[in-house]
Amino acid sequence: MEKTHDQARPDGPAFTDKYNENRHLSGIACKGSEVHEIEFYQCRFEGCHFGDCSFRRCRFEQCTFEKCDLSVMKPIESRFTEVRFERSKLLGVDWTLAATPATMSFHGCNVSHSLFQRMALPKLEMTACTVREADFTGTNLAKANFTGTDLLGSRFAETDLTGADFTDAVNYTIDPRTNRVKKAIFSLPEALSLLGAFDIVMK
């Protein structure tokens, strides 16, 4: 099916169709609005502003968000399947509100202050991102990819990090005694922070 291109329509609703397939949606803004039961399949969102927008029981499958602002977006019972976020802002999003399972990837995004507690997110990708003060308590992040990501202040507790890749990631604080880190990959010198959980002196 040929992809259609839709630009912002300030004089009307952001979405008029219940089902959207293979569409390029650019410059759409629905800040603070509520979007109910809309489906998107293989759609590309570019330069859209969905800050503080509530997506209730919506479905996103094989979609891409590029240079979008979804800060404090509320994904209430919405489903995200193979969704990719690129160079986007997703500050303060409570992903625990979304339907499960969820399969998402973040690349060059700011995902700070977001909540992922006790979610099943194996093989999650967060590459070259800023993920400060996020909460991954009890989350399944087995084989996740955090390469090149800033994790300052993010919380890992009872988190499954088996086989996760932290190559060139910075500012993380991970206690090996309270998290599963078997076969996880860390690079020096940042990996020395793992020893901070032990009362030892390094020279």
N, C-alpha and C. Protein backbone atom coordinates (compact mmCIF):
# COMPACT_ATOMS: atom_id res chain seq x y z
N MET A 1 0.84 -1.19 0.00
CA MET A 1 0.00 0.00 0.00
C MET A 1 0.88 1.24 0.00
N GLU A 2 0.54 2.24 -0.80
CA GLU A 2 1.33 3.47 -0.88
C GLU A 2 1.15 4.29 0.39
N LYS A 3 2.29 4.82 0.87
CA LYS A 3 2.24 5.60 2.11
C LYS A 3 1.65 6.97 1.84
N THR A 4 0.77 7.42 2.74
CA THR A 4 0.18 8.74 2.63
C THR A 4 0.85 9.68 3.62
N HIS A 5 0.87 10.95 3.29
CA HIS A 5 1.55 11.96 4.10
C HIS A 5 0.53 12.94 4.65
N ASP A 6 0.45 13.00 5.97
CA ASP A 6 -0.52 13.89 6.62
C ASP A 6 0.22 14.91 7.47
N GLN A 7 -0.09 16.19 7.28
CA GLN A 7 0.51 17.23 8.09
C GLN A 7 -0.49 17.73 9.12
N ALA A 8 0.02 18.59 9.99
CA ALA A 8 -0.82 19.08 11.08
C ALA A 8 -2.07 19.78 10.56
N ARG A 9 -3.18 19.56 11.27
CA ARG A 9 -4.44 20.21 10.92
C ARG A 9 -4.94 20.94 12.16
N PRO A 10 -4.49 22.18 12.38
CA PRO A 10 -4.82 22.87 13.62
C PRO A 10 -6.30 23.17 13.80
N ASP A 11 -7.06 23.11 12.71
CA ASP A 11 -8.47 23.45 12.82
C ASP A 11 -9.37 22.24 13.00
N GLY A 12 -8.77 21.07 13.20
CA GLY A 12 -9.58 19.87 13.35
C GLY A 12 -8.91 18.87 14.26
N PRO A 13 -9.54 17.71 14.49
CA PRO A 13 -8.96 16.70 15.36
C PRO A 13 -7.67 16.13 14.76
N ALA A 14 -6.76 15.69 15.64
CA ALA A 14 -5.48 15.16 15.18
C ALA A 14 -5.67 13.87 14.38
N PHE A 15 -6.62 13.04 14.80
CA PHE A 15 -6.84 11.76 14.13
C PHE A 15 -8.33 11.59 13.85
N THR A 16 -8.65 11.37 12.60
CA THR A 16 -10.06 11.22 12.23
C THR A 16 -10.41 9.78 11.89
N ASP A 17 -9.41 8.93 11.68
CA ASP A 17 -9.66 7.53 11.32
C ASP A 17 -9.33 6.61 12.49
N LYS A 18 -10.17 5.63 12.70
CA LYS A 18 -9.93 4.67 13.77
C LYS A 18 -8.76 3.74 13.44
N TYR A 19 -8.55 3.47 12.16
CA TYR A 19 -7.46 2.60 11.75
C TYR A 19 -6.58 3.34 10.76
N ASN A 20 -5.28 3.37 11.03
CA ASN A 20 -4.33 4.08 10.19
C ASN A 20 -3.19 3.14 9.81
N GLU A 21 -2.96 2.98 8.53
CA GLU A 21 -1.92 2.07 8.07
C GLU A 21 -0.99 2.77 7.08
N ASN A 22 0.32 2.58 7.31
CA ASN A 22 1.33 3.04 6.37
C ASN A 22 1.21 4.54 6.08
N ARG A 23 1.02 5.34 7.14
CA ARG A 23 0.88 6.78 6.97
C ARG A 23 2.07 7.52 7.55
N HIS A 24 2.42 8.63 6.93
CA HIS A 24 3.47 9.52 7.43
C HIS A 24 2.78 10.72 8.04
N LEU A 25 2.81 10.82 9.36
CA LEU A 25 2.11 11.86 10.09
C LEU A 25 3.12 12.85 10.63
N SER A 26 3.11 14.07 10.15
CA SER A 26 4.14 15.04 10.55
C SER A 26 3.51 16.31 11.11
N GLY A 27 4.19 16.86 12.13
CA GLY A 27 3.79 18.14 12.70
C GLY A 27 2.46 18.14 13.43
N ILE A 28 1.94 16.98 13.75
CA ILE A 28 0.65 16.91 14.45
C ILE A 28 0.85 17.24 15.93
N ALA A 29 -0.04 18.04 16.47
CA ALA A 29 0.04 18.42 17.88
C ALA A 29 -1.31 18.19 18.54
N CYS A 30 -1.28 17.44 19.63
CA CYS A 30 -2.52 17.25 20.40
C CYS A 30 -2.16 17.26 21.88
N LYS A 31 -1.37 18.25 22.27
CA LYS A 31 -0.90 18.35 23.65
C LYS A 31 -2.07 18.41 24.63
N GLY A 32 -2.01 17.54 25.63
CA GLY A 32 -3.03 17.53 26.66
C GLY A 32 -4.35 16.92 26.24
N SER A 33 -4.42 16.38 25.02
CA SER A 33 -5.68 15.82 24.53
C SER A 33 -5.81 14.34 24.90
N GLU A 34 -6.99 13.79 24.67
CA GLU A 34 -7.24 12.37 24.89
C GLU A 34 -7.52 11.71 23.55
N VAL A 35 -6.82 10.64 23.29
CA VAL A 35 -7.00 9.88 22.05
C VAL A 35 -7.46 8.49 22.44
N HIS A 36 -8.62 8.07 21.93
CA HIS A 36 -9.22 6.82 22.37
C HIS A 36 -9.29 5.80 21.24
N GLU A 37 -8.79 4.60 21.49
CA GLU A 37 -9.02 3.42 20.65
C GLU A 37 -8.71 3.67 19.18
N ILE A 38 -7.55 4.28 18.91
CA ILE A 38 -7.08 4.47 17.54
C ILE A 38 -5.96 3.48 17.27
N GLU A 39 -5.93 2.89 16.09
CA GLU A 39 -4.89 1.92 15.73
C GLU A 39 -3.97 2.49 14.67
N PHE A 40 -2.67 2.24 14.85
CA PHE A 40 -1.65 2.69 13.90
C PHE A 40 -0.78 1.49 13.54
N TYR A 41 -0.68 1.21 12.25
CA TYR A 41 0.13 0.09 11.79
C TYR A 41 1.13 0.59 10.75
N GLN A 42 2.41 0.37 11.03
CA GLN A 42 3.49 0.79 10.13
C GLN A 42 3.38 2.27 9.77
N CYS A 43 3.11 3.11 10.77
CA CYS A 43 3.03 4.55 10.57
C CYS A 43 4.32 5.22 11.06
N ARG A 44 4.62 6.35 10.46
CA ARG A 44 5.79 7.13 10.86
C ARG A 44 5.32 8.49 11.35
N PHE A 45 5.68 8.82 12.61
CA PHE A 45 5.35 10.10 13.20
C PHE A 45 6.62 10.96 13.20
N GLU A 46 6.55 12.14 12.64
CA GLU A 46 7.74 12.99 12.54
C GLU A 46 7.41 14.41 13.02
N GLY A 47 8.20 14.88 14.00
CA GLY A 47 8.01 16.23 14.50
C GLY A 47 6.67 16.47 15.14
N CYS A 48 6.09 15.44 15.73
CA CYS A 48 4.76 15.57 16.37
C CYS A 48 4.92 15.91 17.85
N HIS A 49 3.90 16.57 18.40
CA HIS A 49 3.92 16.99 19.80
C HIS A 49 2.73 16.38 20.53
N PHE A 50 3.04 15.38 21.36
CA PHE A 50 1.99 14.70 22.10
C PHE A 50 2.20 14.84 23.61
N GLY A 51 2.81 15.95 24.03
CA GLY A 51 3.07 16.17 25.45
C GLY A 51 1.80 16.15 26.27
N ASP A 52 1.83 15.38 27.38
CA ASP A 52 0.70 15.29 28.31
C ASP A 52 -0.56 14.76 27.63
N CYS A 53 -0.38 14.09 26.51
CA CYS A 53 -1.52 13.50 25.79
C CYS A 53 -1.81 12.11 26.35
N SER A 54 -3.08 11.77 26.47
CA SER A 54 -3.47 10.44 26.93
C SER A 54 -3.88 9.59 25.74
N PHE A 55 -3.16 8.49 25.54
CA PHE A 55 -3.55 7.51 24.53
C PHE A 55 -4.19 6.35 25.27
N ARG A 56 -5.51 6.24 25.15
CA ARG A 56 -6.24 5.23 25.92
C ARG A 56 -6.70 4.10 25.00
N ARG A 57 -6.21 2.89 25.32
CA ARG A 57 -6.54 1.67 24.55
C ARG A 57 -6.26 1.85 23.06
N CYS A 58 -5.15 2.53 22.75
CA CYS A 58 -4.72 2.65 21.36
C CYS A 58 -3.74 1.52 21.04
N ARG A 59 -3.42 1.38 19.77
CA ARG A 59 -2.50 0.32 19.34
C ARG A 59 -1.50 0.89 18.35
N PHE A 60 -0.22 0.68 18.65
CA PHE A 60 0.86 1.09 17.76
C PHE A 60 1.68 -0.16 17.41
N GLU A 61 1.72 -0.48 16.14
CA GLU A 61 2.46 -1.68 15.72
C GLU A 61 3.40 -1.33 14.57
N GLN A 62 4.68 -1.65 14.77
CA GLN A 62 5.71 -1.39 13.77
C GLN A 62 5.72 0.07 13.34
N CYS A 63 5.58 0.96 14.31
CA CYS A 63 5.59 2.40 14.05
C CYS A 63 6.92 3.02 14.47
N THR A 64 7.21 4.19 13.90
CA THR A 64 8.42 4.94 14.23
C THR A 64 8.04 6.37 14.61
N PHE A 65 8.62 6.84 15.72
CA PHE A 65 8.48 8.23 16.15
C PHE A 65 9.83 8.90 16.00
N GLU A 66 9.91 9.93 15.18
CA GLU A 66 11.17 10.61 14.93
C GLU A 66 11.05 12.10 15.27
N LYS A 67 11.96 12.58 16.12
CA LYS A 67 11.97 13.99 16.54
C LYS A 67 10.62 14.42 17.10
N CYS A 68 10.00 13.56 17.88
CA CYS A 68 8.70 13.86 18.48
C CYS A 68 8.87 14.18 19.96
N ASP A 69 7.88 14.88 20.52
CA ASP A 69 7.85 15.17 21.95
C ASP A 69 6.64 14.45 22.55
N LEU A 70 6.93 13.43 23.37
CA LEU A 70 5.87 12.67 24.04
C LEU A 70 6.02 12.77 25.55
N SER A 71 6.59 13.86 26.02
CA SER A 71 6.83 14.02 27.45
C SER A 71 5.53 13.97 28.25
N VAL A 72 5.57 13.23 29.34
CA VAL A 72 4.43 13.03 30.25
C VAL A 72 3.22 12.46 29.51
N MET A 73 3.46 11.81 28.41
CA MET A 73 2.40 11.10 27.69
C MET A 73 1.89 9.96 28.55
N LYS A 74 0.59 9.69 28.50
CA LYS A 74 -0.01 8.63 29.31
C LYS A 74 -0.49 7.50 28.38
N PRO A 75 0.24 6.38 28.35
CA PRO A 75 -0.12 5.27 27.45
C PRO A 75 -1.09 4.30 28.11
N ILE A 76 -2.27 4.75 28.44
CA ILE A 76 -3.20 3.98 29.27
C ILE A 76 -3.77 2.78 28.50
N GLU A 77 -3.36 1.60 28.91
CA GLU A 77 -3.83 0.35 28.31
C GLU A 77 -3.58 0.31 26.80
N SER A 78 -2.63 1.11 26.34
CA SER A 78 -2.28 1.10 24.92
C SER A 78 -1.19 0.07 24.65
N ARG A 79 -1.20 -0.46 23.45
CA ARG A 79 -0.25 -1.53 23.10
C ARG A 79 0.82 -1.00 22.15
N PHE A 80 2.08 -1.30 22.48
CA PHE A 80 3.23 -0.90 21.68
C PHE A 80 3.98 -2.15 21.24
N THR A 81 3.94 -2.43 19.94
CA THR A 81 4.57 -3.63 19.40
C THR A 81 5.57 -3.23 18.32
N GLU A 82 6.84 -3.53 18.57
CA GLU A 82 7.91 -3.20 17.62
C GLU A 82 7.87 -1.71 17.26
N VAL A 83 7.81 -0.87 18.28
CA VAL A 83 7.77 0.57 18.09
C VAL A 83 9.16 1.15 18.34
N ARG A 84 9.59 2.04 17.45
CA ARG A 84 10.94 2.62 17.50
C ARG A 84 10.83 4.13 17.71
N PHE A 85 11.58 4.63 18.70
CA PHE A 85 11.64 6.06 18.98
C PHE A 85 13.04 6.56 18.64
N GLU A 86 13.11 7.60 17.81
CA GLU A 86 14.39 8.14 17.39
C GLU A 86 14.45 9.64 17.68
N ARG A 87 15.51 10.05 18.38
CA ARG A 87 15.77 11.47 18.66
C ARG A 87 14.51 12.19 19.17
N SER A 88 13.84 11.53 20.09
CA SER A 88 12.58 12.06 20.62
C SER A 88 12.69 12.31 22.12
N LYS A 89 11.78 13.14 22.65
CA LYS A 89 11.71 13.41 24.08
C LYS A 89 10.53 12.63 24.68
N LEU A 90 10.86 11.84 25.70
CA LEU A 90 9.83 11.06 26.38
C LEU A 90 10.02 11.20 27.89
N LEU A 91 10.05 12.42 28.36
CA LEU A 91 10.31 12.69 29.77
C LEU A 91 9.10 12.32 30.62
N GLY A 92 9.37 11.65 31.73
CA GLY A 92 8.33 11.41 32.72
C GLY A 92 7.17 10.55 32.27
N VAL A 93 7.42 9.59 31.38
CA VAL A 93 6.34 8.70 30.92
C VAL A 93 6.23 7.49 31.84
N ASP A 94 5.05 7.19 32.30
CA ASP A 94 4.80 6.01 33.13
C ASP A 94 4.40 4.85 32.21
N TRP A 95 5.41 4.09 31.79
CA TRP A 95 5.16 2.99 30.85
C TRP A 95 4.43 1.82 31.50
N THR A 96 4.35 1.80 32.82
CA THR A 96 3.63 0.71 33.48
C THR A 96 2.13 0.79 33.20
N LEU A 97 1.66 1.92 32.67
CA LEU A 97 0.25 2.07 32.32
C LEU A 97 -0.09 1.35 31.01
N ALA A 98 0.94 1.05 30.21
CA ALA A 98 0.72 0.45 28.90
C ALA A 98 0.33 -1.02 29.00
N ALA A 99 -0.30 -1.52 27.94
CA ALA A 99 -0.64 -2.94 27.88
C ALA A 99 0.64 -3.76 27.73
N THR A 100 0.59 -4.97 28.20
CA THR A 100 1.74 -5.87 28.08
C THR A 100 1.38 -7.06 27.20
N PRO A 101 2.38 -7.65 26.54
CA PRO A 101 3.79 -7.25 26.53
C PRO A 101 4.01 -6.04 25.63
N ALA A 102 5.12 -5.34 25.85
CA ALA A 102 5.49 -4.18 25.03
C ALA A 102 6.88 -4.42 24.45
N THR A 103 7.05 -4.11 23.19
CA THR A 103 8.36 -4.22 22.55
C THR A 103 8.67 -2.87 21.91
N MET A 104 9.68 -2.19 22.49
CA MET A 104 10.01 -0.83 22.05
C MET A 104 11.52 -0.69 22.00
N SER A 105 11.99 0.31 21.24
CA SER A 105 13.41 0.64 21.22
C SER A 105 13.55 2.16 21.17
N PHE A 106 14.62 2.66 21.81
CA PHE A 106 14.86 4.09 21.92
C PHE A 106 16.28 4.38 21.44
N HIS A 107 16.43 5.34 20.55
CA HIS A 107 17.74 5.63 19.97
C HIS A 107 17.95 7.15 19.93
N GLY A 108 18.95 7.63 20.68
CA GLY A 108 19.20 9.06 20.72
C GLY A 108 18.09 9.85 21.36
N CYS A 109 17.36 9.24 22.29
CA CYS A 109 16.20 9.89 22.92
C CYS A 109 16.52 10.34 24.34
N ASN A 110 15.69 11.22 24.87
CA ASN A 110 15.73 11.58 26.28
C ASN A 110 14.54 10.92 26.97
N VAL A 111 14.84 9.92 27.79
CA VAL A 111 13.80 9.11 28.43
C VAL A 111 13.86 9.31 29.95
N SER A 112 14.39 10.42 30.39
CA SER A 112 14.59 10.66 31.81
C SER A 112 13.28 10.72 32.58
N HIS A 113 13.38 10.37 33.88
CA HIS A 113 12.26 10.43 34.83
C HIS A 113 11.09 9.53 34.42
N SER A 114 11.36 8.52 33.62
CA SER A 114 10.29 7.60 33.19
C SER A 114 10.25 6.36 34.08
N LEU A 115 9.12 5.69 34.09
CA LEU A 115 8.89 4.55 34.98
C LEU A 115 8.71 3.28 34.17
N PHE A 116 9.49 2.25 34.56
CA PHE A 116 9.42 0.95 33.89
C PHE A 116 9.32 -0.19 34.92
N GLN A 117 8.91 0.11 36.13
CA GLN A 117 8.95 -0.89 37.20
C GLN A 117 8.20 -2.18 36.85
N ARG A 118 8.91 -3.29 37.09
CA ARG A 118 8.34 -4.64 37.01
C ARG A 118 7.74 -4.97 35.64
N MET A 119 8.23 -4.32 34.62
CA MET A 119 7.80 -4.64 33.27
C MET A 119 8.68 -5.74 32.68
N ALA A 120 8.15 -6.48 31.73
CA ALA A 120 8.93 -7.49 31.00
C ALA A 120 9.42 -6.85 29.71
N LEU A 121 10.70 -6.44 29.70
CA LEU A 121 11.27 -5.75 28.55
C LEU A 121 12.59 -6.40 28.11
N PRO A 122 12.59 -7.72 27.92
CA PRO A 122 13.82 -8.36 27.47
C PRO A 122 14.23 -7.82 26.10
N LYS A 123 15.53 -7.66 25.90
CA LYS A 123 16.10 -7.17 24.64
C LYS A 123 15.71 -5.72 24.35
N LEU A 124 15.31 -4.98 25.38
CA LEU A 124 15.03 -3.56 25.21
C LEU A 124 16.28 -2.85 24.68
N GLU A 125 16.10 -1.91 23.76
CA GLU A 125 17.21 -1.12 23.24
C GLU A 125 17.05 0.33 23.66
N MET A 126 18.08 0.84 24.34
CA MET A 126 18.16 2.26 24.69
C MET A 126 19.58 2.71 24.38
N THR A 127 19.85 3.01 23.15
CA THR A 127 21.21 3.33 22.72
C THR A 127 21.41 4.83 22.54
N ALA A 128 22.57 5.31 23.03
CA ALA A 128 22.93 6.73 22.91
C ALA A 128 21.82 7.64 23.44
N CYS A 129 21.18 7.21 24.52
CA CYS A 129 20.07 7.97 25.11
C CYS A 129 20.49 8.66 26.40
N THR A 130 19.66 9.59 26.84
CA THR A 130 19.78 10.18 28.17
C THR A 130 18.63 9.61 28.99
N VAL A 131 18.98 8.81 29.99
CA VAL A 131 17.96 8.12 30.79
C VAL A 131 18.27 8.39 32.27
N ARG A 132 18.04 9.61 32.68
CA ARG A 132 18.36 10.01 34.05
C ARG A 132 17.14 9.89 34.95
N GLU A 133 17.40 9.40 36.19
CA GLU A 133 16.35 9.29 37.20
C GLU A 133 15.17 8.44 36.73
N ALA A 134 15.43 7.45 35.90
CA ALA A 134 14.38 6.50 35.50
C ALA A 134 14.34 5.36 36.51
N ASP A 135 13.24 4.64 36.56
CA ASP A 135 13.09 3.57 37.55
C ASP A 135 12.87 2.23 36.84
N PHE A 136 13.84 1.32 37.04
CA PHE A 136 13.78 -0.02 36.46
C PHE A 136 13.65 -1.09 37.56
N THR A 137 13.08 -0.74 38.67
CA THR A 137 12.95 -1.68 39.78
C THR A 137 12.14 -2.91 39.37
N GLY A 138 12.72 -4.09 39.58
CA GLY A 138 12.02 -5.34 39.31
C GLY A 138 11.76 -5.62 37.84
N THR A 139 12.42 -4.89 36.95
CA THR A 139 12.16 -5.02 35.52
C THR A 139 13.00 -6.14 34.89
N ASN A 140 12.44 -6.86 33.96
CA ASN A 140 13.18 -7.86 33.20
C ASN A 140 13.85 -7.18 32.02
N LEU A 141 15.16 -6.97 32.13
CA LEU A 141 15.94 -6.33 31.08
C LEU A 141 17.02 -7.27 30.55
N ALA A 142 16.72 -8.56 30.57
CA ALA A 142 17.68 -9.54 30.07
C ALA A 142 18.04 -9.24 28.62
N LYS A 143 19.34 -9.20 28.34
CA LYS A 143 19.88 -8.94 27.00
C LYS A 143 19.50 -7.57 26.47
N ALA A 144 19.22 -6.63 27.37
CA ALA A 144 18.93 -5.26 26.94
C ALA A 144 20.21 -4.59 26.43
N ASN A 145 20.05 -3.56 25.63
CA ASN A 145 21.18 -2.85 25.05
C ASN A 145 21.16 -1.39 25.50
N PHE A 146 22.11 -1.02 26.37
CA PHE A 146 22.21 0.35 26.87
C PHE A 146 23.49 1.02 26.37
N THR A 147 24.03 0.62 25.26
CA THR A 147 25.31 1.14 24.81
C THR A 147 25.25 2.66 24.60
N GLY A 148 26.27 3.33 25.17
CA GLY A 148 26.40 4.77 24.99
C GLY A 148 25.35 5.61 25.68
N THR A 149 24.67 5.05 26.67
CA THR A 149 23.56 5.76 27.33
C THR A 149 23.96 6.31 28.69
N ASP A 150 23.46 7.50 29.01
CA ASP A 150 23.70 8.14 30.30
C ASP A 150 22.58 7.75 31.25
N LEU A 151 22.95 7.05 32.33
CA LEU A 151 21.96 6.50 33.26
C LEU A 151 22.06 7.13 34.65
N LEU A 152 22.46 8.39 34.69
CA LEU A 152 22.66 9.06 35.97
C LEU A 152 21.39 9.03 36.83
N GLY A 153 21.52 8.48 38.03
CA GLY A 153 20.41 8.48 38.97
C GLY A 153 19.31 7.47 38.70
N SER A 154 19.45 6.68 37.64
CA SER A 154 18.42 5.67 37.35
C SER A 154 18.52 4.52 38.35
N ARG A 155 17.37 3.98 38.71
CA ARG A 155 17.31 2.99 39.78
C ARG A 155 17.21 1.57 39.21
N PHE A 156 18.16 0.74 39.64
CA PHE A 156 18.14 -0.69 39.33
C PHE A 156 18.10 -1.44 40.65
N ALA A 157 17.03 -2.16 40.91
CA ALA A 157 16.89 -2.94 42.14
C ALA A 157 16.04 -4.16 41.82
N GLU A 158 16.55 -5.35 42.16
CA GLU A 158 15.87 -6.60 41.82
C GLU A 158 15.60 -6.66 40.32
N THR A 159 16.52 -6.10 39.56
CA THR A 159 16.37 -6.01 38.11
C THR A 159 17.15 -7.15 37.44
N ASP A 160 16.54 -7.77 36.44
CA ASP A 160 17.22 -8.83 35.69
C ASP A 160 18.00 -8.19 34.54
N LEU A 161 19.32 -8.14 34.70
CA LEU A 161 20.21 -7.57 33.69
C LEU A 161 21.08 -8.65 33.06
N THR A 162 20.60 -9.88 33.09
CA THR A 162 21.36 -10.99 32.53
C THR A 162 21.69 -10.73 31.06
N GLY A 163 22.99 -10.72 30.75
CA GLY A 163 23.41 -10.55 29.37
C GLY A 163 23.19 -9.15 28.81
N ALA A 164 22.85 -8.18 29.64
CA ALA A 164 22.65 -6.81 29.16
C ALA A 164 23.97 -6.18 28.75
N ASP A 165 23.92 -5.25 27.80
CA ASP A 165 25.12 -4.63 27.27
C ASP A 165 25.18 -3.16 27.70
N PHE A 166 26.18 -2.84 28.54
CA PHE A 166 26.39 -1.48 29.01
C PHE A 166 27.68 -0.88 28.43
N THR A 167 28.09 -1.36 27.28
CA THR A 167 29.30 -0.83 26.65
C THR A 167 29.18 0.68 26.44
N ASP A 168 30.17 1.41 26.94
CA ASP A 168 30.23 2.87 26.81
C ASP A 168 29.06 3.59 27.47
N ALA A 169 28.26 2.90 28.27
CA ALA A 169 27.23 3.57 29.07
C ALA A 169 27.92 4.27 30.24
N VAL A 170 27.31 5.34 30.76
CA VAL A 170 27.95 6.11 31.83
C VAL A 170 26.97 6.40 32.95
N ASN A 171 27.56 6.69 34.11
CA ASN A 171 26.83 7.20 35.28
C ASN A 171 25.82 6.22 35.86
N TYR A 172 25.96 4.94 35.61
CA TYR A 172 25.02 3.98 36.19
C TYR A 172 25.49 3.58 37.59
N THR A 173 24.51 3.24 38.42
CA THR A 173 24.78 2.71 39.75
C THR A 173 24.03 1.40 39.87
N ILE A 174 24.77 0.30 39.82
CA ILE A 174 24.16 -1.03 39.84
C ILE A 174 24.82 -1.86 40.93
N ASP A 175 24.04 -2.35 41.84
CA ASP A 175 24.54 -3.18 42.93
C ASP A 175 24.46 -4.65 42.50
N PRO A 176 25.60 -5.32 42.29
CA PRO A 176 25.57 -6.73 41.87
C PRO A 176 24.94 -7.66 42.89
N ARG A 177 24.78 -7.19 44.11
CA ARG A 177 24.19 -8.05 45.15
C ARG A 177 22.68 -8.07 45.08
N THR A 178 22.08 -7.04 44.50
CA THR A 178 20.61 -6.96 44.47
C THR A 178 20.04 -6.99 43.06
N ASN A 179 20.91 -7.17 42.07
CA ASN A 179 20.48 -7.27 40.68
C ASN A 179 21.14 -8.49 40.03
N ARG A 180 20.50 -9.03 39.01
CA ARG A 180 21.07 -10.17 38.29
C ARG A 180 21.91 -9.62 37.14
N VAL A 181 23.22 -9.83 37.23
CA VAL A 181 24.13 -9.24 36.24
C VAL A 181 24.98 -10.31 35.54
N LYS A 182 24.58 -11.57 35.63
CA LYS A 182 25.37 -12.63 35.02
C LYS A 182 25.51 -12.39 33.50
N LYS A 183 26.76 -12.43 33.05
CA LYS A 183 27.12 -12.26 31.64
C LYS A 183 26.76 -10.89 31.07
N ALA A 184 26.46 -9.93 31.95
CA ALA A 184 26.25 -8.56 31.48
C ALA A 184 27.60 -7.99 31.04
N ILE A 185 27.57 -7.07 30.11
CA ILE A 185 28.80 -6.51 29.54
C ILE A 185 28.97 -5.06 30.01
N PHE A 186 30.14 -4.79 30.60
CA PHE A 186 30.47 -3.45 31.06
C PHE A 186 31.85 -3.08 30.53
N SER A 187 32.08 -1.79 30.33
CA SER A 187 33.39 -1.36 29.84
C SER A 187 34.06 -0.45 30.86
N LEU A 188 35.39 -0.50 30.90
CA LEU A 188 36.17 0.35 31.79
C LEU A 188 36.27 1.75 31.21
N PRO A 189 36.43 2.76 32.08
CA PRO A 189 36.57 2.66 33.54
C PRO A 189 35.24 2.65 34.28
N GLU A 190 34.14 2.84 33.58
CA GLU A 190 32.84 2.97 34.24
C GLU A 190 32.47 1.73 35.03
N ALA A 191 32.96 0.57 34.60
CA ALA A 191 32.62 -0.69 35.27
C ALA A 191 33.10 -0.72 36.72
N LEU A 192 34.08 0.11 37.05
CA LEU A 192 34.56 0.15 38.43
C LEU A 192 33.48 0.58 39.41
N SER A 193 32.45 1.24 38.90
CA SER A 193 31.35 1.67 39.78
C SER A 193 30.63 0.48 40.40
N LEU A 194 30.73 -0.69 39.76
CA LEU A 194 30.09 -1.89 40.30
C LEU A 194 30.68 -2.27 41.65
N LEU A 195 31.93 -1.87 41.89
CA LEU A 195 32.58 -2.21 43.15
C LEU A 195 32.14 -1.29 44.28
N GLY A 196 31.41 -0.24 43.94
CA GLY A 196 30.98 0.71 44.96
C GLY A 196 30.04 0.09 45.98
N ALA A 197 29.42 -1.01 45.62
CA ALA A 197 28.49 -1.69 46.55
C ALA A 197 29.24 -2.43 47.65
N PHE A 198 30.54 -2.63 47.45
CA PHE A 198 31.34 -3.37 48.43
C PHE A 198 32.21 -2.39 49.19
N ASP A 199 32.37 -2.64 50.47
CA ASP A 199 33.15 -1.75 51.33
C ASP A 199 34.63 -2.07 51.16
N ILE A 200 35.18 -1.62 50.04
CA ILE A 200 36.58 -1.88 49.74
C ILE A 200 37.26 -0.58 49.34
N VAL A 201 38.59 -0.62 49.39
CA VAL A 201 39.39 0.53 49.02
C VAL A 201 40.22 0.17 47.81
N MET A 202 40.14 0.96 46.76
CA MET A 202 40.92 0.70 45.55
C MET A 202 42.05 1.70 45.45
N LYS A 203 43.23 1.23 45.03
CA LYS A 203 44.39 2.10 44.86
C LYS A 203 44.92 1.96 43.45
